[in-house]
Amino acid sequence: MSFPVTRLRRLRRNPILRNMISESQVRIDDLIMPLFVCPGKKVENPIKSMPGNSQLSVDLLVEECKKIADTGVKSVLLFGIPEHKDEHGLVACEENGIVQKGIRAIKKALNDKLLIVADICNCEYTTHGHCGTIVNGDVDNDLTIETLAKQSLSLTQAGADVIAPSDMMDGRVKRIRQILDDNGFYNTPIMSYAAKYASGFYGPFREAAESAPKFGDRKSYQMNPANSDEAMREIALDIEEGADIVMVKPALSYLDIIRRTKDTFNIPIAAYNVSGEFSMVKAAAANGWIDEERIMMEIALSIKRAGADIIITYFAKDIAKVLSR
């Protein structure tokens, strides 16, 4: 009987050897945990569609950040639920806005133990739920980027370490870079949501951030899920405008975009494992259909294998605990 000379299973038999030759690895340093900050004190509003996540008042946000830091995760991404909203989202630019308060409190309590990434968008702050100023029934691009620039400056002045515009307006990275530089914040990086698709996977987030649009949808500014070449154009433009990190969102249905970005551009890449992706795993696990921990780790590994350097995920704390065993 003839036997194969090459037997790939030889390298799979021993767990130490398997780990030694692993091509992709998820590290705790790769992870960013998204958090939602809301007004009040001792407020913890559980997000029904995202088990284990809550809207947190500033005091409880700080306590949660301490727990996150204890797991070894070193970065959080902040979203705000304001006390009031307006037509243009200018509430997000206020010196004492909800995220600004959260940033200052985290910095005071944890100093530099956590890197704070501030999401820049208007959907949580506008009465209509769209990502900018409405003119003739649609989001006006150029008026909106002025609000985004003001918001970016305000959050940077509050202490944000990284600014992350998620609105998908044309030219916003250039305008944000300009206003930050003009005010002396040359060293504040921009993590651009460069390829953000008009996806159905954002549903639970819209409950969490109270940001569902009151009319229409976001297809006139977020990307068509059918397009890959357009993503490369979007990313190239954001890099040209000054983005330091580019993001692909969502992650799982767009692993090909992550891979193509990695192969095309010499720049750090973030991927957002979004709320719908998280909630599907939670729901299936709650029904006993899947092994939650195993699937969670497999998803994270797939995102790394596709080429992402940074993973934004609601599983960040749980992944860190697994990696620390």
C-alpha atoms as a PDB file:
ATOM      1  CA  MET A   1       0.000   0.000   0.000  1.00  0.00           C
ATOM      2  CA  SER A   2       1.281   3.437  -0.980  1.00  0.00           C
ATOM      3  CA  PHE A   3       1.312   6.172   1.676  1.00  0.00           C
ATOM      4  CA  PRO A   4       1.645   9.950   1.135  1.00  0.00           C
ATOM      5  CA  VAL A   5       5.050  11.425   1.961  1.00  0.00           C
ATOM      6  CA  THR A   6       3.486  14.747   2.874  1.00  0.00           C
ATOM      7  CA  ARG A   7       1.081  14.446   5.775  1.00  0.00           C
ATOM      8  CA  LEU A   8      -0.239  17.790   6.947  1.00  0.00           C
ATOM      9  CA  ARG A   9      -1.830  16.137   9.972  1.00  0.00           C
ATOM     10  CA  ARG A  10       1.651  15.656  11.469  1.00  0.00           C
ATOM     11  CA  LEU A  11       1.621  19.342  12.423  1.00  0.00           C
ATOM     12  CA  ARG A  12      -1.827  19.124  14.007  1.00  0.00           C
ATOM     13  CA  ARG A  13      -1.367  16.289  16.469  1.00  0.00           C
ATOM     14  CA  ASN A  14       0.379  18.186  19.261  1.00  0.00           C
ATOM     15  CA  PRO A  15      -1.359  21.273  20.719  1.00  0.00           C
ATOM     16  CA  ILE A  16       1.950  22.996  21.489  1.00  0.00           C
ATOM     17  CA  LEU A  17       3.084  22.526  17.903  1.00  0.00           C
ATOM     18  CA  ARG A  18      -0.312  23.661  16.594  1.00  0.00           C
ATOM     19  CA  ASN A  19       0.009  26.911  18.518  1.00  0.00           C
ATOM     20  CA  MET A  20       3.643  27.332  17.550  1.00  0.00           C
ATOM     21  CA  ILE A  21       2.855  27.385  13.821  1.00  0.00           C
ATOM     22  CA  SER A  22      -0.448  29.257  14.083  1.00  0.00           C
ATOM     23  CA  GLU A  23      -0.614  31.736  11.200  1.00  0.00           C
ATOM     24  CA  SER A  24      -3.040  34.147  12.892  1.00  0.00           C
ATOM     25  CA  GLN A  25      -3.460  35.077  16.527  1.00  0.00           C
ATOM     26  CA  VAL A  26      -5.892  37.249  18.444  1.00  0.00           C
ATOM     27  CA  ARG A  27      -4.217  39.298  21.166  1.00  0.00           C
ATOM     28  CA  ILE A  28      -5.794  41.251  24.008  1.00  0.00           C
ATOM     29  CA  ASP A  29      -3.994  44.320  22.652  1.00  0.00           C
ATOM     30  CA  ASP A  30      -6.053  44.017  19.450  1.00  0.00           C
ATOM     31  CA  LEU A  31      -9.392  44.620  21.201  1.00  0.00           C
ATOM     32  CA  ILE A  32     -11.580  47.696  21.666  1.00  0.00           C
ATOM     33  CA  MET A  33     -14.755  47.553  23.779  1.00  0.00           C
ATOM     34  CA  PRO A  34     -17.697  49.794  22.741  1.00  0.00           C
ATOM     35  CA  LEU A  35     -19.612  51.497  25.560  1.00  0.00           C
ATOM     36  CA  PHE A  36     -22.733  53.670  25.798  1.00  0.00           C
ATOM     37  CA  VAL A  37     -22.820  56.607  28.214  1.00  0.00           C
ATOM     38  CA  CYS A  38     -26.075  58.256  29.317  1.00  0.00           C
ATOM     39  CA  PRO A  39     -27.182  61.027  31.718  1.00  0.00           C
ATOM     40  CA  GLY A  40     -27.903  60.595  35.409  1.00  0.00           C
ATOM     41  CA  LYS A  41     -26.300  58.814  38.352  1.00  0.00           C
ATOM     42  CA  LYS A  42     -26.315  55.107  39.157  1.00  0.00           C
ATOM     43  CA  VAL A  43     -28.122  54.538  35.859  1.00  0.00           C
ATOM     44  CA  GLU A  44     -27.778  51.155  34.198  1.00  0.00           C
ATOM     45  CA  ASN A  45     -30.256  50.577  31.385  1.00  0.00           C
ATOM     46  CA  PRO A  46     -29.839  47.036  30.023  1.00  0.00           C
ATOM     47  CA  ILE A  47     -29.955  46.813  26.227  1.00  0.00           C
ATOM     48  CA  LYS A  48     -32.430  43.998  25.590  1.00  0.00           C
ATOM     49  CA  SER A  49     -31.164  43.109  22.143  1.00  0.00           C
ATOM     50  CA  MET A  50     -27.521  43.061  23.308  1.00  0.00           C
ATOM     51  CA  PRO A  51     -27.360  40.853  26.422  1.00  0.00           C
ATOM     52  CA  GLY A  52     -24.682  41.935  28.871  1.00  0.00           C
ATOM     53  CA  ASN A  53     -24.503  45.498  27.554  1.00  0.00           C
ATOM     54  CA  SER A  54     -26.131  48.576  29.080  1.00  0.00           C
ATOM     55  CA  GLN A  55     -26.403  52.312  28.796  1.00  0.00           C
ATOM     56  CA  LEU A  56     -24.349  53.581  31.730  1.00  0.00           C
ATOM     57  CA  SER A  57     -24.284  56.905  33.550  1.00  0.00           C
ATOM     58  CA  VAL A  58     -20.848  58.459  33.920  1.00  0.00           C
ATOM     59  CA  ASP A  59     -20.228  57.066  37.417  1.00  0.00           C
ATOM     60  CA  LEU A  60     -21.041  53.503  36.343  1.00  0.00           C
ATOM     61  CA  LEU A  61     -19.160  54.002  33.075  1.00  0.00           C
ATOM     62  CA  VAL A  62     -16.018  54.626  35.118  1.00  0.00           C
ATOM     63  CA  GLU A  63     -16.611  51.467  37.154  1.00  0.00           C
ATOM     64  CA  GLU A  64     -17.126  49.468  33.970  1.00  0.00           C
ATOM     65  CA  CYS A  65     -13.910  50.872  32.524  1.00  0.00           C
ATOM     66  CA  LYS A  66     -12.040  49.725  35.619  1.00  0.00           C
ATOM     67  CA  LYS A  67     -13.386  46.202  35.085  1.00  0.00           C
ATOM     68  CA  ILE A  68     -12.426  46.339  31.426  1.00  0.00           C
ATOM     69  CA  ALA A  69      -8.897  47.448  32.283  1.00  0.00           C
ATOM     70  CA  ASP A  70      -8.641  44.585  34.806  1.00  0.00           C
ATOM     71  CA  THR A  71      -9.234  42.077  31.983  1.00  0.00           C
ATOM     72  CA  GLY A  72      -6.263  43.511  30.101  1.00  0.00           C
ATOM     73  CA  VAL A  73      -8.308  45.266  27.405  1.00  0.00           C
ATOM     74  CA  LYS A  74      -6.700  48.639  26.856  1.00  0.00           C
ATOM     75  CA  SER A  75      -9.176  50.609  24.756  1.00  0.00           C
ATOM     76  CA  VAL A  76     -12.835  51.656  24.708  1.00  0.00           C
ATOM     77  CA  LEU A  77     -15.013  53.273  22.039  1.00  0.00           C
ATOM     78  CA  LEU A  78     -17.570  55.729  23.427  1.00  0.00           C
ATOM     79  CA  PHE A  79     -21.071  56.496  22.171  1.00  0.00           C
ATOM     80  CA  GLY A  80     -23.369  59.029  23.836  1.00  0.00           C
ATOM     81  CA  ILE A  81     -27.064  59.207  24.659  1.00  0.00           C
ATOM     82  CA  PRO A  82     -27.700  62.933  25.350  1.00  0.00           C
ATOM     83  CA  GLU A  83     -30.315  64.529  27.592  1.00  0.00           C
ATOM     84  CA  HIS A  84     -31.726  66.422  24.610  1.00  0.00           C
ATOM     85  CA  LYS A  85     -31.339  66.424  20.844  1.00  0.00           C
ATOM     86  CA  ASP A  86     -31.520  69.073  18.115  1.00  0.00           C
ATOM     87  CA  GLU A  87     -31.981  69.260  14.357  1.00  0.00           C
ATOM     88  CA  HIS A  88     -28.256  69.470  13.576  1.00  0.00           C
ATOM     89  CA  GLY A  89     -26.596  67.394  16.302  1.00  0.00           C
ATOM     90  CA  LEU A  90     -24.847  70.428  17.777  1.00  0.00           C
ATOM     91  CA  VAL A  91     -25.493  69.052  21.265  1.00  0.00           C
ATOM     92  CA  ALA A  92     -22.601  66.681  20.546  1.00  0.00           C
ATOM     93  CA  CYS A  93     -20.248  69.681  20.388  1.00  0.00           C
ATOM     94  CA  GLU A  94     -21.063  71.042  23.841  1.00  0.00           C
ATOM     95  CA  GLU A  95     -18.222  71.308  26.339  1.00  0.00           C
ATOM     96  CA  ASN A  96     -20.304  69.434  28.898  1.00  0.00           C
ATOM     97  CA  GLY A  97     -21.808  66.968  26.459  1.00  0.00           C
ATOM     98  CA  ILE A  98     -22.393  63.459  27.737  1.00  0.00           C
ATOM     99  CA  VAL A  99     -19.370  61.873  26.035  1.00  0.00           C
ATOM    100  CA  GLN A 100     -17.150  64.792  27.027  1.00  0.00           C
ATOM    101  CA  LYS A 101     -18.137  64.187  30.661  1.00  0.00           C
ATOM    102  CA  GLY A 102     -17.457  60.487  30.268  1.00  0.00           C
ATOM    103  CA  ILE A 103     -14.009  61.062  28.798  1.00  0.00           C
ATOM    104  CA  ARG A 104     -12.949  63.419  31.574  1.00  0.00           C
ATOM    105  CA  ALA A 105     -14.203  61.035  34.269  1.00  0.00           C
ATOM    106  CA  ILE A 106     -12.398  58.042  32.772  1.00  0.00           C
ATOM    107  CA  LYS A 107      -9.172  60.012  32.428  1.00  0.00           C
ATOM    108  CA  LYS A 108      -9.400  61.187  36.035  1.00  0.00           C
ATOM    109  CA  ALA A 109     -10.029  57.687  37.380  1.00  0.00           C
ATOM    110  CA  LEU A 110      -7.764  55.610  35.153  1.00  0.00           C
ATOM    111  CA  ASN A 111      -5.250  58.131  33.838  1.00  0.00           C
ATOM    112  CA  ASP A 112      -3.707  56.497  30.755  1.00  0.00           C
ATOM    113  CA  LYS A 113      -4.656  52.883  31.497  1.00  0.00           C
ATOM    114  CA  LEU A 114      -7.276  53.023  28.750  1.00  0.00           C
ATOM    115  CA  LEU A 115      -7.060  54.474  25.253  1.00  0.00           C
ATOM    116  CA  ILE A 116     -10.303  56.370  24.629  1.00  0.00           C
ATOM    117  CA  VAL A 117     -11.681  56.363  21.095  1.00  0.00           C
ATOM    118  CA  ALA A 118     -14.516  58.845  20.534  1.00  0.00           C
ATOM    119  CA  ASP A 119     -17.096  58.023  17.867  1.00  0.00           C
ATOM    120  CA  ILE A 120     -17.894  61.072  15.739  1.00  0.00           C
ATOM    121  CA  CYS A 121     -21.395  61.102  14.289  1.00  0.00           C
ATOM    122  CA  ASN A 122     -24.693  62.924  14.698  1.00  0.00           C
ATOM    123  CA  CYS A 123     -27.284  60.158  14.608  1.00  0.00           C
ATOM    124  CA  GLU A 124     -27.506  59.868  18.419  1.00  0.00           C
ATOM    125  CA  TYR A 125     -27.823  63.638  18.741  1.00  0.00           C
ATOM    126  CA  THR A 126     -30.329  64.650  16.037  1.00  0.00           C
ATOM    127  CA  THR A 127     -34.079  64.707  16.535  1.00  0.00           C
ATOM    128  CA  HIS A 128     -34.556  62.916  13.206  1.00  0.00           C
ATOM    129  CA  GLY A 129     -31.928  60.202  13.785  1.00  0.00           C
ATOM    130  CA  HIS A 130     -29.926  60.855  10.626  1.00  0.00           C
ATOM    131  CA  CYS A 131     -26.182  61.453  10.656  1.00  0.00           C
ATOM    132  CA  GLY A 132     -26.273  65.157   9.798  1.00  0.00           C
ATOM    133  CA  THR A 133     -28.194  68.275   8.867  1.00  0.00           C
ATOM    134  CA  ILE A 134     -31.271  67.657   6.716  1.00  0.00           C
ATOM    135  CA  VAL A 135     -31.821  69.871   3.667  1.00  0.00           C
ATOM    136  CA  ASN A 136     -34.610  69.040   1.213  1.00  0.00           C
ATOM    137  CA  GLY A 137     -35.143  65.620   2.744  1.00  0.00           C
ATOM    138  CA  ASP A 138     -31.529  64.444   2.600  1.00  0.00           C
ATOM    139  CA  VAL A 139     -28.376  64.842   4.687  1.00  0.00           C
ATOM    140  CA  ASP A 140     -26.422  67.878   3.497  1.00  0.00           C
ATOM    141  CA  ASN A 141     -22.795  66.767   3.215  1.00  0.00           C
ATOM    142  CA  ASP A 142     -20.934  70.056   3.651  1.00  0.00           C
ATOM    143  CA  LEU A 143     -23.056  71.461   6.479  1.00  0.00           C
ATOM    144  CA  THR A 144     -22.699  68.168   8.306  1.00  0.00           C
ATOM    145  CA  ILE A 145     -18.912  68.028   8.140  1.00  0.00           C
ATOM    146  CA  GLU A 146     -18.718  71.397   9.894  1.00  0.00           C
ATOM    147  CA  THR A 147     -20.667  69.942  12.831  1.00  0.00           C
ATOM    148  CA  LEU A 148     -18.474  66.845  12.788  1.00  0.00           C
ATOM    149  CA  ALA A 149     -15.359  69.003  12.898  1.00  0.00           C
ATOM    150  CA  LYS A 150     -16.682  70.938  15.916  1.00  0.00           C
ATOM    151  CA  GLN A 151     -17.619  67.700  17.643  1.00  0.00           C
ATOM    152  CA  SER A 152     -14.149  66.260  16.981  1.00  0.00           C
ATOM    153  CA  LEU A 153     -12.443  69.311  18.453  1.00  0.00           C
ATOM    154  CA  SER A 154     -14.678  69.318  21.532  1.00  0.00           C
ATOM    155  CA  LEU A 155     -14.053  65.639  22.260  1.00  0.00           C
ATOM    156  CA  THR A 156     -10.323  66.019  21.718  1.00  0.00           C
ATOM    157  CA  GLN A 157     -10.244  68.972  24.101  1.00  0.00           C
ATOM    158  CA  ALA A 158     -12.069  66.771  26.622  1.00  0.00           C
ATOM    159  CA  GLY A 159      -9.249  64.229  26.389  1.00  0.00           C
ATOM    160  CA  ALA A 160     -10.146  61.728  23.650  1.00  0.00           C
ATOM    161  CA  ASP A 161      -7.058  59.874  22.436  1.00  0.00           C
ATOM    162  CA  VAL A 162      -8.436  58.896  19.018  1.00  0.00           C
ATOM    163  CA  ILE A 163     -11.186  60.476  16.894  1.00  0.00           C
ATOM    164  CA  ALA A 164     -13.338  58.050  14.882  1.00  0.00           C
ATOM    165  CA  PRO A 165     -15.715  59.640  12.335  1.00  0.00           C
ATOM    166  CA  SER A 166     -18.466  57.163  11.420  1.00  0.00           C
ATOM    167  CA  ASP A 167     -20.843  59.302   9.361  1.00  0.00           C
ATOM    168  CA  MET A 168     -19.603  58.559   5.805  1.00  0.00           C
ATOM    169  CA  MET A 169     -19.764  62.182   4.651  1.00  0.00           C
ATOM    170  CA  ASP A 170     -17.381  63.026   1.795  1.00  0.00           C
ATOM    171  CA  GLY A 171     -14.387  65.072   2.895  1.00  0.00           C
ATOM    172  CA  ARG A 172     -14.943  64.822   6.627  1.00  0.00           C
ATOM    173  CA  VAL A 173     -11.503  63.359   7.423  1.00  0.00           C
ATOM    174  CA  LYS A 174      -9.766  66.318   5.752  1.00  0.00           C
ATOM    175  CA  ARG A 175     -11.930  68.845   7.624  1.00  0.00           C
ATOM    176  CA  ILE A 176     -11.442  67.096  10.973  1.00  0.00           C
ATOM    177  CA  ARG A 177      -7.677  66.877  10.428  1.00  0.00           C
ATOM    178  CA  GLN A 178      -7.642  70.574   9.580  1.00  0.00           C
ATOM    179  CA  ILE A 179      -9.522  71.715  12.692  1.00  0.00           C
ATOM    180  CA  LEU A 180      -7.466  69.489  14.990  1.00  0.00           C
ATOM    181  CA  ASP A 181      -4.183  70.751  13.510  1.00  0.00           C
ATOM    182  CA  ASP A 182      -5.334  74.370  13.614  1.00  0.00           C
ATOM    183  CA  ASN A 183      -5.912  73.964  17.356  1.00  0.00           C
ATOM    184  CA  GLY A 184      -2.604  72.259  18.092  1.00  0.00           C
ATOM    185  CA  PHE A 185      -3.813  68.650  18.207  1.00  0.00           C
ATOM    186  CA  TYR A 186      -1.336  67.439  15.584  1.00  0.00           C
ATOM    187  CA  ASN A 187      -0.779  64.134  17.371  1.00  0.00           C
ATOM    188  CA  THR A 188      -4.403  63.041  17.741  1.00  0.00           C
ATOM    189  CA  PRO A 189      -4.982  60.113  15.343  1.00  0.00           C
ATOM    190  CA  ILE A 190      -8.070  59.706  13.187  1.00  0.00           C
ATOM    191  CA  MET A 191      -9.584  56.232  12.909  1.00  0.00           C
ATOM    192  CA  SER A 192     -11.901  56.606   9.964  1.00  0.00           C
ATOM    193  CA  TYR A 193     -14.950  54.420   9.381  1.00  0.00           C
ATOM    194  CA  ALA A 194     -13.740  54.384   5.798  1.00  0.00           C
ATOM    195  CA  ALA A 195     -15.869  51.560   4.402  1.00  0.00           C
ATOM    196  CA  LYS A 196     -19.109  51.598   6.378  1.00  0.00           C
ATOM    197  CA  TYR A 197     -21.866  49.692   4.653  1.00  0.00           C
ATOM    198  CA  ALA A 198     -25.637  50.283   4.772  1.00  0.00           C
ATOM    199  CA  SER A 199     -26.145  47.055   6.685  1.00  0.00           C
ATOM    200  CA  GLY A 200     -28.990  45.284   8.406  1.00  0.00           C
ATOM    201  CA  PHE A 201     -26.563  44.167  11.114  1.00  0.00           C
ATOM    202  CA  TYR A 202     -26.846  47.499  12.976  1.00  0.00           C
ATOM    203  CA  GLY A 203     -30.334  46.900  14.381  1.00  0.00           C
ATOM    204  CA  PRO A 204     -29.450  46.256  18.051  1.00  0.00           C
ATOM    205  CA  PHE A 205     -27.055  49.217  18.087  1.00  0.00           C
ATOM    206  CA  ARG A 206     -29.889  51.546  17.133  1.00  0.00           C
ATOM    207  CA  GLU A 207     -31.729  50.451  20.261  1.00  0.00           C
ATOM    208  CA  ALA A 208     -28.561  50.914  22.325  1.00  0.00           C
ATOM    209  CA  ALA A 209     -27.774  54.399  20.969  1.00  0.00           C
ATOM    210  CA  GLU A 210     -31.415  55.443  20.430  1.00  0.00           C
ATOM    211  CA  SER A 211     -30.394  56.456  16.930  1.00  0.00           C
ATOM    212  CA  ALA A 212     -32.877  54.882  14.503  1.00  0.00           C
ATOM    213  CA  PRO A 213     -33.791  57.325  11.688  1.00  0.00           C
ATOM    214  CA  LYS A 214     -37.297  58.750  11.954  1.00  0.00           C
ATOM    215  CA  PHE A 215     -37.756  58.586   8.179  1.00  0.00           C
ATOM    216  CA  GLY A 216     -36.067  56.919   5.223  1.00  0.00           C
ATOM    217  CA  ASP A 217     -32.757  55.103   5.583  1.00  0.00           C
ATOM    218  CA  ARG A 218     -29.017  55.782   5.338  1.00  0.00           C
ATOM    219  CA  LYS A 219     -28.399  54.347   1.890  1.00  0.00           C
ATOM    220  CA  SER A 220     -27.644  57.770   0.406  1.00  0.00           C
ATOM    221  CA  TYR A 221     -24.462  58.032   2.498  1.00  0.00           C
ATOM    222  CA  GLN A 222     -23.526  54.550   3.747  1.00  0.00           C
ATOM    223  CA  MET A 223     -22.095  52.126   1.199  1.00  0.00           C
ATOM    224  CA  ASN A 224     -23.931  49.664  -1.027  1.00  0.00           C
ATOM    225  CA  PRO A 225     -23.189  46.109   0.252  1.00  0.00           C
ATOM    226  CA  ALA A 226     -22.721  45.019  -3.364  1.00  0.00           C
ATOM    227  CA  ASN A 227     -19.632  47.198  -3.890  1.00  0.00           C
ATOM    228  CA  SER A 228     -16.015  46.286  -3.277  1.00  0.00           C
ATOM    229  CA  ASP A 229     -14.174  48.559  -5.729  1.00  0.00           C
ATOM    230  CA  GLU A 230     -15.981  51.553  -4.250  1.00  0.00           C
ATOM    231  CA  ALA A 231     -14.658  50.599  -0.810  1.00  0.00           C
ATOM    232  CA  MET A 232     -11.120  50.842  -2.143  1.00  0.00           C
ATOM    233  CA  ARG A 233     -11.887  54.337  -3.459  1.00  0.00           C
ATOM    234  CA  GLU A 234     -13.382  55.395  -0.128  1.00  0.00           C
ATOM    235  CA  ILE A 235     -10.377  54.087   1.783  1.00  0.00           C
ATOM    236  CA  ALA A 236      -7.881  55.673  -0.604  1.00  0.00           C
ATOM    237  CA  LEU A 237      -9.599  59.050  -0.236  1.00  0.00           C
ATOM    238  CA  ASP A 238      -9.620  58.848   3.569  1.00  0.00           C
ATOM    239  CA  ILE A 239      -5.928  57.981   3.631  1.00  0.00           C
ATOM    240  CA  GLU A 240      -5.199  60.900   1.309  1.00  0.00           C
ATOM    241  CA  GLU A 241      -7.197  63.201   3.610  1.00  0.00           C
ATOM    242  CA  GLY A 242      -5.184  62.160   6.658  1.00  0.00           C
ATOM    243  CA  ALA A 243      -6.717  59.031   8.208  1.00  0.00           C
ATOM    244  CA  ASP A 244      -4.231  57.163  10.390  1.00  0.00           C
ATOM    245  CA  ILE A 245      -6.331  53.995  10.746  1.00  0.00           C
ATOM    246  CA  VAL A 246      -9.113  52.845   8.427  1.00  0.00           C
ATOM    247  CA  MET A 247     -12.090  50.759   9.450  1.00  0.00           C
ATOM    248  CA  VAL A 248     -14.327  48.254   7.711  1.00  0.00           C
ATOM    249  CA  LYS A 249     -17.823  47.887   9.170  1.00  0.00           C
ATOM    250  CA  PRO A 250     -19.479  45.391   9.614  1.00  0.00           C
ATOM    251  CA  ALA A 251     -16.832  42.682   9.854  1.00  0.00           C
ATOM    252  CA  LEU A 252     -18.245  39.214   9.159  1.00  0.00           C
ATOM    253  CA  SER A 253     -20.091  39.791   5.896  1.00  0.00           C
ATOM    254  CA  TYR A 254     -17.224  41.990   4.707  1.00  0.00           C
ATOM    255  CA  LEU A 255     -14.145  39.860   5.442  1.00  0.00           C
ATOM    256  CA  ASP A 256     -13.300  40.106   1.744  1.00  0.00           C
ATOM    257  CA  ILE A 257     -13.160  43.901   2.075  1.00  0.00           C
ATOM    258  CA  ILE A 258     -10.818  43.602   5.065  1.00  0.00           C
ATOM    259  CA  ARG A 259      -8.562  41.257   3.101  1.00  0.00           C
ATOM    260  CA  ARG A 260      -8.564  43.470   0.039  1.00  0.00           C
ATOM    261  CA  THR A 261      -7.784  46.517   2.167  1.00  0.00           C
ATOM    262  CA  LYS A 262      -4.865  44.688   3.767  1.00  0.00           C
ATOM    263  CA  ASP A 263      -3.493  43.687   0.368  1.00  0.00           C
ATOM    264  CA  THR A 264      -3.937  47.161  -1.132  1.00  0.00           C
ATOM    265  CA  PHE A 265      -2.959  49.665   1.556  1.00  0.00           C
ATOM    266  CA  ASN A 266      -0.046  49.895   3.956  1.00  0.00           C
ATOM    267  CA  ILE A 267      -2.044  51.237   6.893  1.00  0.00           C
ATOM    268  CA  PRO A 268      -3.468  49.848  10.171  1.00  0.00           C
ATOM    269  CA  ILE A 269      -6.925  48.332   9.705  1.00  0.00           C
ATOM    270  CA  ALA A 270      -9.754  48.137  12.231  1.00  0.00           C
ATOM    271  CA  ALA A 271     -12.848  45.969  11.835  1.00  0.00           C
ATOM    272  CA  TYR A 272     -16.092  46.426  13.751  1.00  0.00           C
ATOM    273  CA  ASN A 273     -17.753  43.187  14.847  1.00  0.00           C
ATOM    274  CA  VAL A 274     -21.098  44.956  15.066  1.00  0.00           C
ATOM    275  CA  SER A 275     -24.153  44.597  17.295  1.00  0.00           C
ATOM    276  CA  GLY A 276     -26.163  42.307  15.024  1.00  0.00           C
ATOM    277  CA  GLU A 277     -23.230  39.922  14.688  1.00  0.00           C
ATOM    278  CA  PHE A 278     -22.875  39.901  18.474  1.00  0.00           C
ATOM    279  CA  SER A 279     -26.583  39.459  19.161  1.00  0.00           C
ATOM    280  CA  MET A 280     -26.980  36.546  16.749  1.00  0.00           C
ATOM    281  CA  VAL A 281     -24.306  34.628  18.630  1.00  0.00           C
ATOM    282  CA  LYS A 282     -25.910  35.481  21.970  1.00  0.00           C
ATOM    283  CA  ALA A 283     -29.363  34.381  20.783  1.00  0.00           C
ATOM    284  CA  ALA A 284     -28.141  31.115  19.307  1.00  0.00           C
ATOM    285  CA  ALA A 285     -26.115  30.350  22.429  1.00  0.00           C
ATOM    286  CA  ALA A 286     -29.087  31.110  24.688  1.00  0.00           C
ATOM    287  CA  ASN A 287     -31.062  28.494  22.764  1.00  0.00           C
ATOM    288  CA  GLY A 288     -28.286  25.932  23.145  1.00  0.00           C
ATOM    289  CA  TRP A 289     -27.634  25.781  19.424  1.00  0.00           C
ATOM    290  CA  ILE A 290     -23.961  26.775  19.532  1.00  0.00           C
ATOM    291  CA  ASP A 291     -21.001  26.927  21.901  1.00  0.00           C
ATOM    292  CA  GLU A 292     -20.809  30.681  22.562  1.00  0.00           C
ATOM    293  CA  GLU A 293     -17.170  30.803  23.629  1.00  0.00           C
ATOM    294  CA  ARG A 294     -15.974  28.683  20.732  1.00  0.00           C
ATOM    295  CA  ILE A 295     -17.921  30.710  18.163  1.00  0.00           C
ATOM    296  CA  MET A 296     -16.822  34.012  19.737  1.00  0.00           C
ATOM    297  CA  MET A 297     -13.169  33.043  19.432  1.00  0.00           C
ATOM    298  CA  GLU A 298     -13.609  31.659  15.914  1.00  0.00           C
ATOM    299  CA  ILE A 299     -15.204  34.919  14.773  1.00  0.00           C
ATOM    300  CA  ALA A 300     -12.381  36.989  16.270  1.00  0.00           C
ATOM    301  CA  LEU A 301      -9.800  34.753  14.640  1.00  0.00           C
ATOM    302  CA  SER A 302     -11.524  35.032  11.256  1.00  0.00           C
ATOM    303  CA  ILE A 303     -11.367  38.833  11.462  1.00  0.00           C
ATOM    304  CA  LYS A 304      -7.658  38.704  12.281  1.00  0.00           C
ATOM    305  CA  ARG A 305      -7.018  36.160   9.533  1.00  0.00           C
ATOM    306  CA  ALA A 306      -8.726  38.441   7.031  1.00  0.00           C
ATOM    307  CA  GLY A 307      -6.140  41.109   7.872  1.00  0.00           C
ATOM    308  CA  ALA A 308      -7.530  43.341  10.618  1.00  0.00           C
ATOM    309  CA  ASP A 309      -5.061  44.735  13.140  1.00  0.00           C
ATOM    310  CA  ILE A 310      -7.764  46.014  15.521  1.00  0.00           C
ATOM    311  CA  ILE A 311     -11.077  44.378  16.444  1.00  0.00           C
ATOM    312  CA  ILE A 312     -13.906  46.465  17.892  1.00  0.00           C
ATOM    313  CA  THR A 313     -16.231  43.987  19.552  1.00  0.00           C
ATOM    314  CA  TYR A 314     -18.820  43.701  22.328  1.00  0.00           C
ATOM    315  CA  PHE A 315     -17.097  40.414  23.168  1.00  0.00           C
ATOM    316  CA  ALA A 316     -13.850  42.209  24.077  1.00  0.00           C
ATOM    317  CA  LYS A 317     -13.965  41.469  27.822  1.00  0.00           C
ATOM    318  CA  ASP A 318     -14.960  37.835  27.259  1.00  0.00           C
ATOM    319  CA  ILE A 319     -12.269  37.289  24.637  1.00  0.00           C
ATOM    320  CA  ALA A 320      -9.680  38.794  26.986  1.00  0.00           C
ATOM    321  CA  LYS A 321     -10.686  36.405  29.756  1.00  0.00           C
ATOM    322  CA  VAL A 322     -10.272  33.432  27.430  1.00  0.00           C
ATOM    323  CA  LEU A 323      -6.874  34.660  26.226  1.00  0.00           C
ATOM    324  CA  SER A 324      -5.715  35.176  29.818  1.00  0.00           C
ATOM    325  CA  ARG A 325      -6.310  31.560  30.850  1.00  0.00           C
END
